[in-house]
N, C-alpha and C. Protein backbone atom coordinates (compact mmCIF):
# COMPACT_ATOMS: atom_id res chain seq x y z
N MET A 1 -21.79 5.44 -11.24
CA MET A 1 -21.04 5.22 -11.61
C MET A 1 -19.82 5.70 -10.93
N PRO A 2 -18.44 4.96 -10.68
CA PRO A 2 -18.33 4.78 -10.06
C PRO A 2 -16.83 6.22 -10.05
N GLU A 3 -16.22 6.33 -8.73
CA GLU A 3 -15.14 7.82 -8.64
C GLU A 3 -13.78 7.38 -8.13
N LEU A 4 -12.86 7.89 -8.51
CA LEU A 4 -11.60 8.52 -7.78
C LEU A 4 -12.08 9.65 -6.95
N ARG A 5 -11.50 9.46 -5.47
CA ARG A 5 -11.63 11.27 -5.00
C ARG A 5 -10.76 10.33 -4.33
N THR A 6 -10.07 11.50 -3.46
CA THR A 6 -9.22 11.93 -2.38
C THR A 6 -9.07 10.74 -0.93
N TYR A 7 -9.00 10.78 -0.39
CA TYR A 7 -9.12 9.69 1.17
C TYR A 7 -9.81 10.51 2.03
N ARG A 8 -10.89 10.33 2.64
CA ARG A 8 -11.55 11.51 3.32
C ARG A 8 -11.47 10.45 4.95
N THR A 9 -11.64 10.98 6.33
CA THR A 9 -11.52 10.59 7.32
C THR A 9 -12.22 8.63 7.21
N GLY A 10 -13.24 8.99 6.94
CA GLY A 10 -14.23 7.98 7.05
C GLY A 10 -14.26 6.55 6.10
N ASP A 11 -12.99 6.74 5.21
CA ASP A 11 -13.21 5.77 4.67
C ASP A 11 -11.88 4.87 4.97
N LEU A 12 -10.95 4.83 6.11
CA LEU A 12 -10.62 3.82 6.98
C LEU A 12 -10.65 2.03 6.98
N PRO A 13 -12.10 2.30 7.58
CA PRO A 13 -12.67 0.65 8.12
C PRO A 13 -12.52 0.10 6.30
N ALA A 14 -13.09 0.50 6.09
CA ALA A 14 -13.48 -0.04 4.59
C ALA A 14 -11.84 -0.15 3.82
N MET A 15 -11.31 0.36 4.47
CA MET A 15 -10.09 0.52 3.68
C MET A 15 -9.58 -0.93 3.88
N TYR A 16 -8.95 -1.07 5.58
CA TYR A 16 -9.24 -2.20 6.55
C TYR A 16 -9.84 -3.47 5.96
N ARG A 17 -10.95 -3.39 5.24
CA ARG A 17 -11.54 -4.48 4.99
C ARG A 17 -10.52 -4.89 3.37
N ILE A 18 -10.47 -4.12 2.60
CA ILE A 18 -10.45 -4.37 1.53
C ILE A 18 -8.69 -4.71 1.47
N CYS A 19 -8.19 -4.36 2.51
CA CYS A 19 -6.54 -4.71 2.50
C CYS A 19 -6.40 -6.45 3.07
N LEU A 20 -7.85 -6.46 3.86
CA LEU A 20 -7.47 -8.33 4.59
C LEU A 20 -8.28 -8.35 3.47
N LEU A 21 -9.21 -8.69 2.58
CA LEU A 21 -9.69 -9.13 1.46
C LEU A 21 -8.85 -9.40 -0.17
N THR A 22 -6.95 -8.48 0.13
CA THR A 22 -6.41 -8.85 -0.95
C THR A 22 -5.29 -9.43 -0.61
N GLY A 23 -5.04 -9.47 0.73
CA GLY A 23 -4.01 -9.52 1.43
C GLY A 23 -3.23 -10.46 1.05
N ASP A 24 -4.03 -11.76 -0.12
CA ASP A 24 -2.87 -12.85 0.11
C ASP A 24 -2.71 -13.14 -1.66
N ALA A 25 -1.67 -11.98 -1.50
CA ALA A 25 -0.89 -11.95 -2.54
C ALA A 25 -2.55 -11.94 -3.82
N GLY A 26 -3.36 -10.79 -3.52
CA GLY A 26 -4.21 -10.76 -4.51
C GLY A 26 -5.68 -11.15 -4.19
N ARG A 27 -5.43 -12.44 -3.25
CA ARG A 27 -6.95 -13.24 -2.65
C ARG A 27 -7.35 -12.80 -1.08
N ASP A 28 -8.16 -12.88 -0.76
CA ASP A 28 -8.57 -13.46 0.72
C ASP A 28 -7.87 -13.71 1.88
N ALA A 29 -7.33 -12.70 2.46
CA ALA A 29 -6.43 -13.11 3.64
C ALA A 29 -7.17 -13.79 4.92
N THR A 30 -8.58 -13.44 5.03
CA THR A 30 -9.05 -13.49 6.14
C THR A 30 -9.38 -14.80 6.89
N ALA A 31 -8.97 -16.26 6.70
CA ALA A 31 -8.75 -17.08 6.95
C ALA A 31 -6.87 -17.24 7.75
N LEU A 32 -6.10 -16.44 7.63
CA LEU A 32 -4.77 -16.03 7.15
C LEU A 32 -4.41 -15.79 8.89
N TYR A 33 -5.33 -14.38 9.23
CA TYR A 33 -5.17 -14.34 10.17
C TYR A 33 -6.16 -13.91 11.34
N ARG A 34 -5.81 -13.65 12.71
CA ARG A 34 -6.84 -14.24 14.10
C ARG A 34 -7.37 -12.25 13.92
N ASP A 35 -6.23 -11.65 13.83
CA ASP A 35 -6.26 -10.15 13.94
C ASP A 35 -6.81 -9.32 12.70
N PRO A 36 -8.22 -9.45 12.50
CA PRO A 36 -8.42 -9.26 11.26
C PRO A 36 -7.64 -7.76 10.69
N ASP A 37 -7.31 -6.91 11.74
CA ASP A 37 -7.06 -5.15 11.29
C ASP A 37 -5.42 -5.37 11.13
N LEU A 38 -4.60 -6.32 11.87
CA LEU A 38 -2.95 -6.36 11.81
C LEU A 38 -2.42 -6.59 10.26
N LEU A 39 -3.56 -6.83 9.32
CA LEU A 39 -2.00 -6.64 7.91
C LEU A 39 -2.62 -4.32 7.96
N ALA A 40 -3.80 -4.47 7.94
CA ALA A 40 -3.79 -3.07 7.70
C ALA A 40 -3.17 -1.78 8.17
N HIS A 41 -2.84 -2.44 9.59
CA HIS A 41 -2.10 -1.58 10.63
C HIS A 41 -0.74 -1.82 10.08
N VAL A 42 -0.40 -2.50 9.19
CA VAL A 42 1.26 -2.20 8.79
C VAL A 42 1.18 -1.91 7.30
N TYR A 43 0.57 -2.09 6.29
CA TYR A 43 0.12 -1.54 4.54
C TYR A 43 -0.84 -0.95 4.68
N CYS A 44 -1.57 -0.43 5.28
CA CYS A 44 -2.32 0.73 4.90
C CYS A 44 -2.49 1.79 6.09
N GLY A 45 -2.79 1.53 7.12
CA GLY A 45 -3.24 2.82 8.01
C GLY A 45 -2.14 3.43 8.40
N PRO A 46 -0.95 3.66 8.09
CA PRO A 46 -0.39 4.42 8.05
C PRO A 46 0.20 5.51 7.18
N TYR A 47 -0.03 5.49 6.10
CA TYR A 47 -0.65 5.76 5.06
C TYR A 47 -1.55 7.72 4.89
N PRO A 48 -2.94 6.81 5.28
CA PRO A 48 -3.43 8.24 5.02
C PRO A 48 -3.85 9.24 6.46
N THR A 49 -2.87 8.69 7.41
CA THR A 49 -2.82 8.93 9.02
C THR A 49 -1.35 9.93 8.48
N ALA A 50 -0.59 9.84 8.07
CA ALA A 50 0.91 10.73 7.73
C ALA A 50 0.44 11.73 6.81
N ASP A 51 -0.06 11.13 5.55
CA ASP A 51 -0.37 12.40 4.17
C ASP A 51 -1.50 11.66 3.72
N PRO A 52 -2.92 12.23 4.31
CA PRO A 52 -4.06 12.06 3.70
C PRO A 52 -4.54 12.43 2.43
N SER A 53 -3.50 13.42 1.56
CA SER A 53 -3.37 13.29 -0.03
C SER A 53 -2.70 12.69 -0.60
N LEU A 54 -2.16 12.04 -0.59
CA LEU A 54 -1.85 11.10 -1.11
C LEU A 54 -2.64 10.02 -1.31
N SER A 55 -3.65 9.39 -0.35
CA SER A 55 -4.19 8.58 -0.07
C SER A 55 -5.61 8.50 -1.72
N LEU A 56 -6.10 7.85 -1.89
CA LEU A 56 -6.36 8.01 -3.29
C LEU A 56 -7.49 6.63 -2.67
N VAL A 57 -9.59 6.78 -3.08
CA VAL A 57 -10.30 5.58 -2.87
C VAL A 57 -11.26 5.90 -4.45
N VAL A 58 -11.33 4.69 -5.07
CA VAL A 58 -12.58 4.27 -5.52
C VAL A 58 -13.45 3.83 -5.20
N MET A 59 -14.71 4.59 -5.23
CA MET A 59 -16.14 4.39 -4.89
C MET A 59 -17.29 3.46 -5.97
N ASP A 60 -17.55 3.19 -5.52
CA ASP A 60 -19.32 2.90 -6.29
C ASP A 60 -20.37 3.07 -5.61
N ASP A 61 -21.85 2.00 -6.26
CA ASP A 61 -23.07 2.27 -5.33
C ASP A 61 -22.96 0.77 -4.25
N GLU A 62 -21.31 0.64 -4.14
CA GLU A 62 -21.54 -0.10 -3.65
C GLU A 62 -20.87 0.05 -1.93
N GLY A 63 -20.38 1.00 -2.15
CA GLY A 63 -19.06 1.34 -1.44
C GLY A 63 -17.82 1.42 -1.97
N LEU A 64 -16.90 1.58 -1.27
CA LEU A 64 -15.28 1.49 -1.25
C LEU A 64 -14.92 0.59 -1.97
N ALA A 65 -14.26 0.26 -3.10
CA ALA A 65 -14.11 -0.80 -3.75
C ALA A 65 -12.39 -1.34 -3.70
N GLY A 66 -11.45 0.33 -3.45
CA GLY A 66 -10.36 -0.13 -3.42
C GLY A 66 -9.53 1.05 -3.08
N TYR A 67 -8.42 1.20 -3.18
CA TYR A 67 -7.04 2.54 -2.64
C TYR A 67 -6.66 2.49 -3.33
N LEU A 68 -5.03 3.08 -3.22
CA LEU A 68 -4.19 3.62 -3.45
C LEU A 68 -3.59 4.46 -2.25
N VAL A 69 -2.15 3.95 -1.34
CA VAL A 69 -1.64 4.64 -0.38
C VAL A 69 -0.67 4.40 -0.59
N GLY A 70 0.22 6.23 -0.41
CA GLY A 70 1.83 5.78 -0.83
C GLY A 70 2.28 7.26 0.01
N THR A 71 3.15 6.96 -0.14
CA THR A 71 4.29 8.64 0.10
C THR A 71 5.37 8.95 -0.76
N ALA A 72 5.54 10.07 -0.61
CA ALA A 72 6.64 10.72 -1.40
C ALA A 72 7.81 10.52 -1.26
N ASP A 73 7.97 10.24 0.35
CA ASP A 73 9.57 10.27 0.71
C ASP A 73 9.77 8.95 1.46
N SER A 74 10.09 7.91 0.73
CA SER A 74 10.00 6.49 1.75
C SER A 74 10.46 6.70 3.20
N ALA A 75 12.31 7.94 3.05
CA ALA A 75 13.18 7.47 3.89
C ALA A 75 12.51 7.89 5.09
N ALA A 76 11.91 9.77 4.71
CA ALA A 76 10.83 10.40 5.80
C ALA A 76 9.73 9.37 6.22
N PHE A 77 8.81 8.88 5.45
CA PHE A 77 7.89 8.11 6.34
C PHE A 77 8.31 7.33 7.45
N ALA A 78 9.51 6.32 6.98
CA ALA A 78 9.83 5.56 8.27
C ALA A 78 10.60 5.90 9.01
N ALA A 79 10.83 7.48 9.37
CA ALA A 79 10.57 8.27 10.76
C ALA A 79 9.90 8.08 10.97
N TRP A 80 9.13 8.55 9.90
CA TRP A 80 7.35 9.08 10.69
C TRP A 80 6.86 7.97 11.48
N GLU A 81 6.76 6.79 10.88
CA GLU A 81 5.91 5.71 11.54
C GLU A 81 6.60 5.34 13.11
N ASP A 82 8.33 5.47 12.42
CA ASP A 82 8.69 5.23 14.33
C ASP A 82 8.47 6.25 15.50
N GLU A 83 8.45 6.87 14.92
CA GLU A 83 7.98 8.21 15.91
C GLU A 83 6.38 8.41 16.36
N HIS A 84 5.56 8.04 15.51
CA HIS A 84 4.34 8.44 15.31
C HIS A 84 3.13 7.05 15.31
N TRP A 85 3.72 5.94 14.80
CA TRP A 85 2.88 5.23 14.28
C TRP A 85 3.07 3.80 15.00
N TRP A 86 3.99 3.23 14.62
CA TRP A 86 4.09 2.15 15.32
C TRP A 86 4.38 2.16 17.04
N PRO A 87 5.03 3.09 17.80
CA PRO A 87 5.05 3.05 19.36
C PRO A 87 3.44 2.30 20.15
N ALA A 88 2.41 3.14 19.27
CA ALA A 88 0.94 2.79 20.15
C ALA A 88 0.96 1.02 19.35
N LEU A 89 0.93 1.22 18.33
CA LEU A 89 1.05 -0.48 18.08
C LEU A 89 1.81 -1.98 18.59
N ARG A 90 3.25 -1.30 19.05
CA ARG A 90 3.98 -2.33 19.85
C ARG A 90 3.69 -1.93 21.53
N ALA A 91 2.57 -0.88 22.26
CA ALA A 91 2.02 -1.35 22.94
C ALA A 91 0.84 -2.49 22.66
N ARG A 92 0.15 -1.74 22.23
CA ARG A 92 -1.00 -2.87 21.69
C ARG A 92 -0.90 -4.55 21.07
N TYR A 93 0.11 -4.44 20.82
CA TYR A 93 0.81 -5.98 20.24
C TYR A 93 2.33 -6.27 20.76
N PRO A 94 2.17 -6.79 21.69
CA PRO A 94 3.30 -7.16 22.27
C PRO A 94 3.85 -7.95 21.25
N LEU A 95 5.37 -8.18 21.32
CA LEU A 95 6.22 -9.07 21.10
C LEU A 95 6.94 -10.19 21.76
N GLY A 96 5.73 -11.07 21.31
CA GLY A 96 6.24 -12.73 22.13
C GLY A 96 6.51 -13.83 21.80
N PRO A 97 7.07 -14.95 21.98
CA PRO A 97 7.64 -15.63 21.23
C PRO A 97 7.06 -16.50 19.87
N ASP A 98 7.56 -16.73 18.38
CA ASP A 98 7.30 -17.41 17.45
C ASP A 98 6.14 -18.20 17.75
N ASP A 99 4.78 -17.64 17.29
CA ASP A 99 3.74 -19.14 17.36
C ASP A 99 3.21 -19.39 15.60
N GLY A 100 4.10 -19.30 14.88
CA GLY A 100 4.14 -19.64 14.13
C GLY A 100 3.20 -19.41 13.02
N THR A 101 2.35 -18.73 13.76
CA THR A 101 1.01 -17.71 13.34
C THR A 101 1.34 -16.74 12.33
N ALA A 102 0.55 -16.22 10.96
CA ALA A 102 1.01 -15.14 10.28
C ALA A 102 0.93 -13.73 10.69
N ASP A 103 0.23 -13.95 11.87
CA ASP A 103 -0.20 -12.88 13.00
C ASP A 103 1.06 -11.86 13.63
N HIS A 104 2.10 -13.15 14.11
CA HIS A 104 3.07 -13.02 14.61
C HIS A 104 4.31 -12.62 13.69
N GLY A 105 4.15 -13.14 12.17
CA GLY A 105 5.33 -12.19 11.48
C GLY A 105 4.44 -10.56 11.18
N LEU A 106 2.82 -10.12 11.99
CA LEU A 106 3.02 -9.10 11.42
C LEU A 106 3.61 -7.56 12.74
N VAL A 107 3.20 -8.49 13.80
CA VAL A 107 3.46 -8.43 15.17
C VAL A 107 4.74 -7.83 14.97
N GLU A 108 5.74 -8.86 14.59
CA GLU A 108 7.46 -8.95 14.26
C GLU A 108 7.61 -8.14 13.28
N LEU A 109 6.87 -7.24 12.51
CA LEU A 109 7.52 -6.42 11.57
C LEU A 109 7.00 -4.58 12.07
N LEU A 110 5.60 -4.95 12.53
CA LEU A 110 5.30 -3.55 14.27
C LEU A 110 6.87 -3.40 14.37
N HIS A 111 7.26 -4.92 15.44
CA HIS A 111 8.63 -4.23 16.62
C HIS A 111 10.05 -4.02 15.33
N HIS A 112 10.43 -4.85 14.49
CA HIS A 112 10.70 -4.70 13.60
C HIS A 112 11.03 -4.29 12.07
N PRO A 113 10.43 -3.21 11.74
CA PRO A 113 10.18 -3.05 10.81
C PRO A 113 11.39 -2.55 9.64
N PRO A 114 11.19 -3.38 8.25
CA PRO A 114 12.72 -2.78 7.50
C PRO A 114 12.65 -1.58 6.79
N HIS A 115 13.98 -0.94 7.39
CA HIS A 115 14.20 0.74 7.03
C HIS A 115 15.34 0.21 5.51
N ASP A 116 14.34 -0.18 4.76
CA ASP A 116 15.47 -0.41 3.37
C ASP A 116 15.45 1.05 2.48
N GLU A 117 16.50 1.45 2.28
CA GLU A 117 16.77 2.57 1.57
C GLU A 117 16.16 2.40 0.08
N PRO A 118 15.11 3.03 -0.09
CA PRO A 118 14.56 3.21 -1.53
C PRO A 118 15.23 3.14 -2.82
N PRO A 119 14.93 2.50 -3.86
CA PRO A 119 15.86 2.68 -5.30
C PRO A 119 16.19 3.85 -5.64
N THR A 120 17.39 3.98 -5.73
CA THR A 120 17.56 5.59 -6.02
C THR A 120 16.73 6.22 -7.23
N GLY A 121 16.97 7.43 -7.02
CA GLY A 121 15.63 7.89 -7.61
C GLY A 121 14.05 7.86 -8.06
N TYR A 122 14.01 6.91 -6.98
CA TYR A 122 12.67 6.56 -6.98
C TYR A 122 12.32 6.09 -5.14
N PRO A 123 12.35 7.69 -4.63
CA PRO A 123 11.64 7.91 -3.57
C PRO A 123 10.69 7.28 -2.83
N ALA A 124 9.10 7.86 -3.71
CA ALA A 124 8.16 7.51 -3.07
C ALA A 124 7.71 5.38 -3.46
N HIS A 125 6.92 5.36 -2.49
CA HIS A 125 6.11 3.86 -2.85
C HIS A 125 4.40 4.09 -2.42
N LEU A 126 4.20 3.37 -2.79
CA LEU A 126 2.95 2.95 -2.69
C LEU A 126 2.39 1.53 -2.64
N HIS A 127 1.09 1.28 -2.42
CA HIS A 127 0.42 -0.14 -2.12
C HIS A 127 -0.80 0.11 -2.51
N ILE A 128 -1.34 -0.63 -3.44
CA ILE A 128 -2.72 -0.29 -4.29
C ILE A 128 -3.61 -2.20 -3.97
N ASP A 129 -4.74 -1.79 -3.40
CA ASP A 129 -5.85 -3.29 -3.76
C ASP A 129 -6.75 -2.60 -4.23
N LEU A 130 -7.29 -3.64 -5.33
CA LEU A 130 -9.05 -3.16 -5.70
C LEU A 130 -9.92 -4.41 -5.19
N LEU A 131 -11.49 -4.32 -5.16
CA LEU A 131 -12.26 -5.65 -4.65
C LEU A 131 -12.07 -5.99 -6.41
N PRO A 132 -12.08 -7.44 -6.32
CA PRO A 132 -12.20 -7.78 -7.50
C PRO A 132 -13.15 -7.55 -8.36
N ARG A 133 -14.22 -6.55 -7.79
CA ARG A 133 -15.86 -6.32 -8.44
C ARG A 133 -15.01 -4.86 -9.26
N ARG A 134 -13.60 -4.21 -9.37
CA ARG A 134 -13.24 -3.11 -9.90
C ARG A 134 -11.95 -3.85 -10.44
N GLN A 135 -11.61 -5.03 -10.77
CA GLN A 135 -10.28 -5.31 -11.56
C GLN A 135 -10.41 -5.37 -12.97
N GLY A 136 -9.99 -4.56 -13.59
CA GLY A 136 -9.91 -5.34 -14.78
C GLY A 136 -10.44 -3.84 -15.87
N GLN A 137 -10.96 -3.17 -14.76
CA GLN A 137 -11.81 -2.05 -16.14
C GLN A 137 -11.55 -0.84 -15.35
N GLY A 138 -9.53 -0.45 -15.47
CA GLY A 138 -9.00 0.84 -15.84
C GLY A 138 -8.92 1.46 -14.29
N TRP A 139 -9.48 1.54 -13.58
CA TRP A 139 -9.21 2.00 -12.55
C TRP A 139 -8.16 1.81 -11.54
N GLY A 140 -6.90 0.44 -11.55
CA GLY A 140 -5.46 0.33 -10.98
C GLY A 140 -5.37 1.73 -11.75
N ARG A 141 -5.15 1.35 -13.09
CA ARG A 141 -4.47 2.25 -13.51
C ARG A 141 -5.03 3.97 -13.39
N ARG A 142 -6.03 3.90 -13.56
CA ARG A 142 -6.32 5.57 -13.41
C ARG A 142 -5.75 6.30 -11.17
N LEU A 143 -5.49 5.31 -10.97
CA LEU A 143 -5.26 5.55 -8.92
C LEU A 143 -3.54 5.31 -9.29
N ILE A 144 -2.69 4.79 -10.47
CA ILE A 144 -1.48 4.98 -10.46
C ILE A 144 -1.22 6.07 -10.59
N GLU A 145 -1.82 6.25 -11.64
CA GLU A 145 -2.23 7.83 -12.86
C GLU A 145 -2.20 9.37 -11.78
N ALA A 146 -3.00 9.10 -11.28
CA ALA A 146 -3.83 10.21 -10.46
C ALA A 146 -2.28 10.22 -8.96
N PHE A 147 -1.67 9.06 -8.41
CA PHE A 147 -0.78 9.13 -7.52
C PHE A 147 0.77 10.09 -8.19
N ALA A 148 0.93 10.03 -9.40
CA ALA A 148 1.95 9.93 -10.32
C ALA A 148 1.67 11.46 -10.25
N ALA A 149 0.55 12.09 -10.73
CA ALA A 149 0.21 13.40 -10.72
C ALA A 149 0.46 14.36 -9.33
N ALA A 150 0.34 13.49 -8.52
CA ALA A 150 0.52 14.33 -7.10
C ALA A 150 1.87 14.46 -6.95
N LEU A 151 2.61 12.95 -7.27
CA LEU A 151 4.30 13.35 -7.19
C LEU A 151 4.81 14.23 -7.53
N ALA A 152 4.49 14.24 -9.25
CA ALA A 152 4.72 15.49 -10.12
C ALA A 152 5.09 16.69 -9.35
N GLU A 153 3.74 16.78 -9.17
CA GLU A 153 3.60 18.70 -8.22
C GLU A 153 4.95 19.13 -7.02
N ARG A 154 4.65 17.93 -6.71
CA ARG A 154 5.84 17.65 -5.56
C ARG A 154 7.51 17.51 -5.51
N GLY A 155 7.25 17.65 -7.11
CA GLY A 155 8.59 17.34 -8.00
C GLY A 155 9.16 16.24 -7.54
N VAL A 156 9.15 14.44 -7.77
CA VAL A 156 9.29 13.64 -6.82
C VAL A 156 9.49 12.96 -8.45
N PRO A 157 11.02 12.59 -8.53
CA PRO A 157 10.96 12.12 -9.79
C PRO A 157 10.49 10.71 -10.43
N GLY A 158 10.30 10.10 -9.08
CA GLY A 158 10.13 8.19 -9.63
C GLY A 158 9.37 7.15 -8.38
N MET A 159 8.76 6.36 -8.47
CA MET A 159 8.22 5.27 -7.27
C MET A 159 8.75 3.97 -7.50
N HIS A 160 8.63 3.05 -6.33
CA HIS A 160 8.57 1.89 -6.51
C HIS A 160 7.69 1.20 -5.92
N LEU A 161 7.36 -0.40 -5.74
CA LEU A 161 6.38 -1.07 -4.53
C LEU A 161 7.36 -1.91 -4.76
N ARG A 162 6.82 -3.17 -4.38
CA ARG A 162 7.05 -4.50 -3.84
C ARG A 162 6.01 -5.53 -4.16
N VAL A 163 5.72 -6.75 -4.88
CA VAL A 163 4.94 -7.35 -5.38
C VAL A 163 4.74 -8.96 -4.47
N ASP A 164 3.77 -9.24 -3.98
CA ASP A 164 4.28 -10.88 -3.97
C ASP A 164 4.89 -11.51 -5.45
N PRO A 165 5.32 -12.53 -5.56
CA PRO A 165 5.25 -13.52 -6.90
C PRO A 165 4.74 -14.02 -7.24
N ARG A 166 4.02 -14.37 -6.00
CA ARG A 166 3.07 -15.82 -6.62
C ARG A 166 2.09 -15.01 -7.22
N ASN A 167 1.86 -13.46 -6.99
CA ASN A 167 0.75 -12.22 -7.27
C ASN A 167 0.68 -11.70 -9.62
N THR A 168 0.74 -13.41 -9.64
CA THR A 168 1.32 -12.82 -11.65
C THR A 168 0.73 -11.69 -11.74
N PRO A 169 -0.90 -11.74 -11.81
CA PRO A 169 -2.36 -10.75 -12.48
C PRO A 169 -1.43 -9.01 -12.01
N ALA A 170 -0.52 -9.36 -10.93
CA ALA A 170 -0.43 -7.91 -10.36
C ALA A 170 1.19 -7.55 -10.95
N LEU A 171 1.84 -8.38 -11.06
CA LEU A 171 3.24 -8.43 -11.62
C LEU A 171 3.28 -7.90 -13.15
N ALA A 172 1.69 -8.95 -14.30
CA ALA A 172 1.52 -8.41 -15.31
C ALA A 172 1.07 -6.75 -15.73
N PHE A 173 0.00 -6.57 -14.45
CA PHE A 173 -0.37 -4.99 -14.37
C PHE A 173 0.80 -3.99 -14.48
N TYR A 174 1.51 -4.19 -13.02
CA TYR A 174 2.39 -3.36 -13.16
C TYR A 174 3.98 -3.08 -14.58
N ASP A 175 3.59 -4.39 -15.08
CA ASP A 175 4.45 -4.40 -16.17
C ASP A 175 4.17 -3.10 -17.42
N ARG A 176 2.53 -3.36 -17.44
CA ARG A 176 1.74 -2.88 -18.78
C ARG A 176 2.03 -0.93 -18.53
N LEU A 177 2.11 -1.01 -17.33
CA LEU A 177 2.48 0.71 -16.49
C LEU A 177 3.86 1.30 -16.33
N GLY A 178 4.36 0.57 -16.92
CA GLY A 178 5.52 0.76 -17.15
C GLY A 178 6.82 0.98 -15.91
N PHE A 179 6.46 -0.04 -14.99
CA PHE A 179 7.38 -0.42 -14.21
C PHE A 179 8.19 -1.79 -14.54
N THR A 180 10.04 -1.49 -14.29
CA THR A 180 10.15 -2.52 -14.68
C THR A 180 10.94 -2.60 -13.05
N PRO A 181 11.69 -3.80 -13.84
CA PRO A 181 12.89 -4.54 -11.97
C PRO A 181 14.02 -3.80 -11.58
N GLY A 182 13.71 -2.89 -10.25
CA GLY A 182 14.81 -1.99 -9.74
C GLY A 182 15.53 -2.86 -8.86
N GLU A 183 16.70 -2.25 -7.92
CA GLU A 183 17.53 -2.43 -6.86
C GLU A 183 16.50 -3.38 -6.08
N ASP A 184 17.41 -4.45 -5.74
CA ASP A 184 16.48 -5.28 -4.43
C ASP A 184 15.07 -5.85 -4.83
N GLY A 185 15.12 -6.29 -5.69
CA GLY A 185 13.41 -6.85 -6.26
C GLY A 185 12.63 -5.75 -6.39
N ALA A 186 12.42 -4.65 -5.97
CA ALA A 186 11.29 -3.52 -6.23
C ALA A 186 11.28 -3.71 -7.77
N LEU A 187 9.96 -2.75 -8.10
CA LEU A 187 9.61 -2.66 -9.21
C LEU A 187 9.36 -0.93 -9.16
N VAL A 188 10.01 -0.95 -10.31
CA VAL A 188 10.04 1.21 -9.94
C VAL A 188 9.88 1.64 -11.36
N ARG A 189 9.17 3.03 -11.26
CA ARG A 189 8.57 3.84 -12.16
C ARG A 189 9.23 5.09 -12.09
N PRO A 190 9.75 5.95 -13.18
CA PRO A 190 9.81 7.17 -13.18
C PRO A 190 7.86 7.69 -13.40
N VAL A 191 7.87 8.51 -12.26
CA VAL A 191 6.45 9.49 -12.39
C VAL A 191 6.14 9.61 -13.47
N SER A 192 6.97 10.40 -14.55
CA SER A 192 6.26 10.12 -15.94
C SER A 192 6.47 9.36 -16.97
N PRO A 193 6.12 8.35 -17.27
CA PRO A 193 6.37 7.40 -17.59
C PRO A 193 7.23 7.35 -19.19
N ARG A 194 8.13 7.00 -19.48
CA ARG A 194 8.72 7.01 -20.52
C ARG A 194 7.37 6.46 -21.95
N PRO A 195 7.18 7.07 -22.85
CA PRO A 195 6.03 6.52 -24.03
C PRO A 195 6.86 5.26 -24.58
């Protein structure tokens, strides 16, 4: 029987793999990147490193099947990344001339991460990825609600996320969970959704 649990240190390699396998608007992005870890360095790895208690995973008999990573305070998280996460990666991935690869785009993000203000009233943000074998079974909803419960315990009023507009199944999923369009194209939801 699959289970949802809090992140453990040994989960990170499988999370990196899932990030790549779902990194092209929900499809396998393996062919897009020369470095298979680069995508997860940006969108997965820093979250459980900064606050493991807000990272959740779905396990089944085949291993890790999905995860949710997030932060309760996007602005504080960006400051943490600037101090603790990006420096080592910038040394590992120096910024060179644009070679037109997807890798270069991510290296550009490592060196010049966006510091967008979170939508007013929605300071938390998240990333969620599930392998196809666990999609459509309610695990995404369970991950979001477990994350929302953890945020509620911390007194966080709302969360936001961004979705690739090509990922229409994900857009429909978030709509069903009460996310609505907010500032700057983000989808937003109060921690306790409106009935």
